[in-house]
Amino acid sequence: MIVQSLKDIENTERHVKAASGTWESKRIVLAKEKVGFSLHETVLYAGTETSMWYANHIEAVLCVEGEAELTDDETGETHWIEPGTMYLLDGHERHTLRPKTDFRCVCVFNPPVTGREDHDENGVYPLLTEEG
């Protein structure tokens, strides 16, 4: 059994801040736990825009605080995301999130991330393993 709090993760290697400056993420469960998924608490900052494409992962996102506009960059369709709203990127959709307020969410990734990932120039997390 693993028990830890978000406070335990603050300012450790599991507390990742994006090179873009648009978000930070506390990686609660990682690939090294060997449970088949990773679990994160992520905050995207108000007034920013982050374009993402999880070409190598499936992600589920549950908004727990704040509001944001989510755009499916492939279809142009937009969605308003607020607390209690979940979105699932089950088709590896390219998407953009535009938080109107600081936007806190809980995210699950499959396959799990290692904790070292950040978006590349295409918005993709590389597919890393614990070995490399």
C-alpha atoms as a PDB file:
ATOM      1  CA  MET A   1       0.000   0.000   0.000  1.00  0.00           C
ATOM      2  CA  ILE A   2       1.187   3.491  -0.855  1.00  0.00           C
ATOM      3  CA  VAL A   3      -0.066   6.514   1.039  1.00  0.00           C
ATOM      4  CA  GLN A   4       1.204  10.022   0.359  1.00  0.00           C
ATOM      5  CA  SER A   5      -0.128  13.557   0.282  1.00  0.00           C
ATOM      6  CA  LEU A   6       0.325  16.316  -2.251  1.00  0.00           C
ATOM      7  CA  LYS A   7       2.354  18.121   0.420  1.00  0.00           C
ATOM      8  CA  ASP A   8       4.809  15.185   0.369  1.00  0.00           C
ATOM      9  CA  ILE A   9       5.378  15.818  -3.367  1.00  0.00           C
ATOM     10  CA  GLU A  10       5.878  19.589  -3.270  1.00  0.00           C
ATOM     11  CA  ASN A  11       9.370  20.641  -4.373  1.00  0.00           C
ATOM     12  CA  THR A  12      10.511  17.075  -5.088  1.00  0.00           C
ATOM     13  CA  GLU A  13      11.368  15.440  -8.431  1.00  0.00           C
ATOM     14  CA  ARG A  14       7.654  14.516  -8.680  1.00  0.00           C
ATOM     15  CA  HIS A  15       6.680  18.211  -8.733  1.00  0.00           C
ATOM     16  CA  VAL A  16       7.201  19.087 -12.383  1.00  0.00           C
ATOM     17  CA  LYS A  17       6.953  22.621 -13.769  1.00  0.00           C
ATOM     18  CA  ALA A  18       6.536  22.961 -17.527  1.00  0.00           C
ATOM     19  CA  ALA A  19       9.270  24.618 -19.545  1.00  0.00           C
ATOM     20  CA  SER A  20       6.463  26.632 -21.183  1.00  0.00           C
ATOM     21  CA  GLY A  21       5.542  28.151 -17.825  1.00  0.00           C
ATOM     22  CA  THR A  22       1.849  27.375 -18.381  1.00  0.00           C
ATOM     23  CA  TRP A  23       1.380  24.523 -15.885  1.00  0.00           C
ATOM     24  CA  GLU A  24       2.773  22.507 -13.010  1.00  0.00           C
ATOM     25  CA  SER A  25       2.017  18.925 -12.086  1.00  0.00           C
ATOM     26  CA  LYS A  26       2.396  16.790  -8.986  1.00  0.00           C
ATOM     27  CA  ARG A  27       2.948  13.237 -10.169  1.00  0.00           C
ATOM     28  CA  ILE A  28       1.360  11.115  -7.446  1.00  0.00           C
ATOM     29  CA  VAL A  29       1.590   7.645  -9.024  1.00  0.00           C
ATOM     30  CA  LEU A  30       4.272   6.933 -11.642  1.00  0.00           C
ATOM     31  CA  ALA A  31       5.428   4.093 -13.871  1.00  0.00           C
ATOM     32  CA  LYS A  32       7.900   2.949 -11.212  1.00  0.00           C
ATOM     33  CA  GLU A  33       4.960   1.972  -8.982  1.00  0.00           C
ATOM     34  CA  LYS A  34       4.117  -0.653 -11.660  1.00  0.00           C
ATOM     35  CA  VAL A  35       0.318  -0.357 -11.450  1.00  0.00           C
ATOM     36  CA  GLY A  36      -0.402   0.294 -15.147  1.00  0.00           C
ATOM     37  CA  PHE A  37      -1.320   3.994 -14.944  1.00  0.00           C
ATOM     38  CA  SER A  38      -0.041   7.282 -13.571  1.00  0.00           C
ATOM     39  CA  LEU A  39      -2.016   9.778 -11.505  1.00  0.00           C
ATOM     40  CA  HIS A  40      -1.317  13.518 -11.381  1.00  0.00           C
ATOM     41  CA  GLU A  41      -2.686  16.712  -9.922  1.00  0.00           C
ATOM     42  CA  THR A  42      -2.079  19.440 -12.492  1.00  0.00           C
ATOM     43  CA  VAL A  43      -2.653  23.182 -12.359  1.00  0.00           C
ATOM     44  CA  LEU A  44      -2.806  25.158 -15.606  1.00  0.00           C
ATOM     45  CA  TYR A  45      -2.489  28.885 -15.050  1.00  0.00           C
ATOM     46  CA  ALA A  46      -5.209  31.448 -15.788  1.00  0.00           C
ATOM     47  CA  GLY A  47      -4.782  33.336 -19.045  1.00  0.00           C
ATOM     48  CA  THR A  48      -2.422  30.804 -20.615  1.00  0.00           C
ATOM     49  CA  GLU A  49      -2.867  28.505 -23.586  1.00  0.00           C
ATOM     50  CA  THR A  50      -1.436  24.997 -23.781  1.00  0.00           C
ATOM     51  CA  SER A  51      -1.645  22.895 -26.956  1.00  0.00           C
ATOM     52  CA  MET A  52      -1.195  19.177 -26.363  1.00  0.00           C
ATOM     53  CA  TRP A  53      -1.225  15.946 -28.291  1.00  0.00           C
ATOM     54  CA  TYR A  54      -0.823  12.719 -26.362  1.00  0.00           C
ATOM     55  CA  ALA A  55       0.191  10.613 -29.343  1.00  0.00           C
ATOM     56  CA  ASN A  56       1.645   7.958 -27.004  1.00  0.00           C
ATOM     57  CA  HIS A  57      -0.832   8.052 -24.119  1.00  0.00           C
ATOM     58  CA  ILE A  58      -4.533   7.987 -23.258  1.00  0.00           C
ATOM     59  CA  GLU A  59      -5.431  10.671 -20.720  1.00  0.00           C
ATOM     60  CA  ALA A  60      -8.520  11.185 -18.576  1.00  0.00           C
ATOM     61  CA  VAL A  61      -8.908  14.601 -16.900  1.00  0.00           C
ATOM     62  CA  LEU A  62     -11.297  15.523 -14.090  1.00  0.00           C
ATOM     63  CA  CYS A  63     -11.611  19.234 -13.303  1.00  0.00           C
ATOM     64  CA  VAL A  64     -11.761  19.845  -9.557  1.00  0.00           C
ATOM     65  CA  GLU A  65     -11.311  23.636  -9.507  1.00  0.00           C
ATOM     66  CA  GLY A  66     -11.433  26.498 -12.006  1.00  0.00           C
ATOM     67  CA  GLU A  67     -12.776  26.860 -15.526  1.00  0.00           C
ATOM     68  CA  ALA A  68     -11.282  26.455 -18.979  1.00  0.00           C
ATOM     69  CA  GLU A  69     -12.162  26.256 -22.639  1.00  0.00           C
ATOM     70  CA  LEU A  70     -11.108  23.004 -24.276  1.00  0.00           C
ATOM     71  CA  THR A  71     -10.770  22.930 -28.057  1.00  0.00           C
ATOM     72  CA  ASP A  72     -10.489  19.755 -30.113  1.00  0.00           C
ATOM     73  CA  ASP A  73      -7.893  21.054 -32.582  1.00  0.00           C
ATOM     74  CA  GLU A  74      -8.848  18.397 -35.118  1.00  0.00           C
ATOM     75  CA  THR A  75     -12.562  19.301 -35.322  1.00  0.00           C
ATOM     76  CA  GLY A  76     -12.629  22.841 -33.939  1.00  0.00           C
ATOM     77  CA  GLU A  77     -15.278  21.786 -31.422  1.00  0.00           C
ATOM     78  CA  THR A  78     -15.051  23.590 -28.076  1.00  0.00           C
ATOM     79  CA  HIS A  79     -16.187  22.540 -24.611  1.00  0.00           C
ATOM     80  CA  TRP A  80     -16.498  24.489 -21.382  1.00  0.00           C
ATOM     81  CA  ILE A  81     -14.802  22.592 -18.571  1.00  0.00           C
ATOM     82  CA  GLU A  82     -15.712  23.324 -14.954  1.00  0.00           C
ATOM     83  CA  PRO A  83     -15.535  21.442 -11.633  1.00  0.00           C
ATOM     84  CA  GLY A  84     -17.063  18.001 -11.966  1.00  0.00           C
ATOM     85  CA  THR A  85     -16.478  17.809 -15.737  1.00  0.00           C
ATOM     86  CA  MET A  86     -14.291  15.011 -17.135  1.00  0.00           C
ATOM     87  CA  TYR A  87     -12.798  14.680 -20.586  1.00  0.00           C
ATOM     88  CA  LEU A  88     -11.139  11.600 -22.028  1.00  0.00           C
ATOM     89  CA  LEU A  89      -8.635  11.781 -24.868  1.00  0.00           C
ATOM     90  CA  ASP A  90      -9.327   8.239 -26.038  1.00  0.00           C
ATOM     91  CA  GLY A  91      -8.526   9.024 -29.679  1.00  0.00           C
ATOM     92  CA  HIS A  92      -5.188  10.810 -29.089  1.00  0.00           C
ATOM     93  CA  GLU A  93      -6.882  14.097 -30.042  1.00  0.00           C
ATOM     94  CA  ARG A  94      -4.769  17.209 -30.500  1.00  0.00           C
ATOM     95  CA  HIS A  95      -6.297  19.760 -28.137  1.00  0.00           C
ATOM     96  CA  THR A  96      -5.789  23.172 -26.577  1.00  0.00           C
ATOM     97  CA  LEU A  97      -6.746  24.219 -23.073  1.00  0.00           C
ATOM     98  CA  ARG A  98      -7.316  27.902 -22.255  1.00  0.00           C
ATOM     99  CA  PRO A  99      -7.893  28.366 -18.510  1.00  0.00           C
ATOM    100  CA  LYS A 100      -9.993  31.383 -17.577  1.00  0.00           C
ATOM    101  CA  THR A 101      -9.007  30.915 -13.926  1.00  0.00           C
ATOM    102  CA  ASP A 102      -6.303  28.723 -12.425  1.00  0.00           C
ATOM    103  CA  PHE A 103      -7.497  25.270 -13.477  1.00  0.00           C
ATOM    104  CA  ARG A 104      -6.790  22.342 -11.143  1.00  0.00           C
ATOM    105  CA  CYS A 105      -7.439  18.841 -12.387  1.00  0.00           C
ATOM    106  CA  VAL A 106      -6.710  15.216 -11.615  1.00  0.00           C
ATOM    107  CA  CYS A 107      -5.258  13.306 -14.585  1.00  0.00           C
ATOM    108  CA  VAL A 108      -4.736   9.622 -15.276  1.00  0.00           C
ATOM    109  CA  PHE A 109      -2.347   8.429 -18.006  1.00  0.00           C
ATOM    110  CA  ASN A 110      -1.994   5.048 -19.680  1.00  0.00           C
ATOM    111  CA  PRO A 111       0.682   3.990 -20.260  1.00  0.00           C
ATOM    112  CA  PRO A 112       1.989   5.579 -17.076  1.00  0.00           C
ATOM    113  CA  VAL A 113       4.488   8.414 -17.227  1.00  0.00           C
ATOM    114  CA  THR A 114       7.856   8.286 -15.481  1.00  0.00           C
ATOM    115  CA  GLY A 115       7.609  11.811 -14.099  1.00  0.00           C
ATOM    116  CA  ARG A 116      10.318  13.255 -16.367  1.00  0.00           C
ATOM    117  CA  GLU A 117       7.978  14.125 -19.269  1.00  0.00           C
ATOM    118  CA  ASP A 118       7.274  17.591 -20.617  1.00  0.00           C
ATOM    119  CA  HIS A 119       5.536  18.521 -23.867  1.00  0.00           C
ATOM    120  CA  ASP A 120       7.780  18.640 -26.934  1.00  0.00           C
ATOM    121  CA  GLU A 121       7.403  21.127 -29.808  1.00  0.00           C
ATOM    122  CA  ASN A 122       4.326  19.177 -31.024  1.00  0.00           C
ATOM    123  CA  GLY A 123       2.693  19.067 -27.581  1.00  0.00           C
ATOM    124  CA  VAL A 124       3.580  15.376 -27.193  1.00  0.00           C
ATOM    125  CA  TYR A 125       4.889  13.591 -24.119  1.00  0.00           C
ATOM    126  CA  PRO A 126       7.662  11.251 -25.260  1.00  0.00           C
ATOM    127  CA  LEU A 127       7.129   7.592 -24.446  1.00  0.00           C
ATOM    128  CA  LEU A 128       9.747   7.135 -21.711  1.00  0.00           C
ATOM    129  CA  THR A 129      10.415   4.065 -19.635  1.00  0.00           C
ATOM    130  CA  GLU A 130      12.012   3.662 -16.233  1.00  0.00           C
ATOM    131  CA  GLU A 131      15.095   2.269 -17.974  1.00  0.00           C
ATOM    132  CA  GLY A 132      15.643   5.195 -20.314  1.00  0.00           C
END
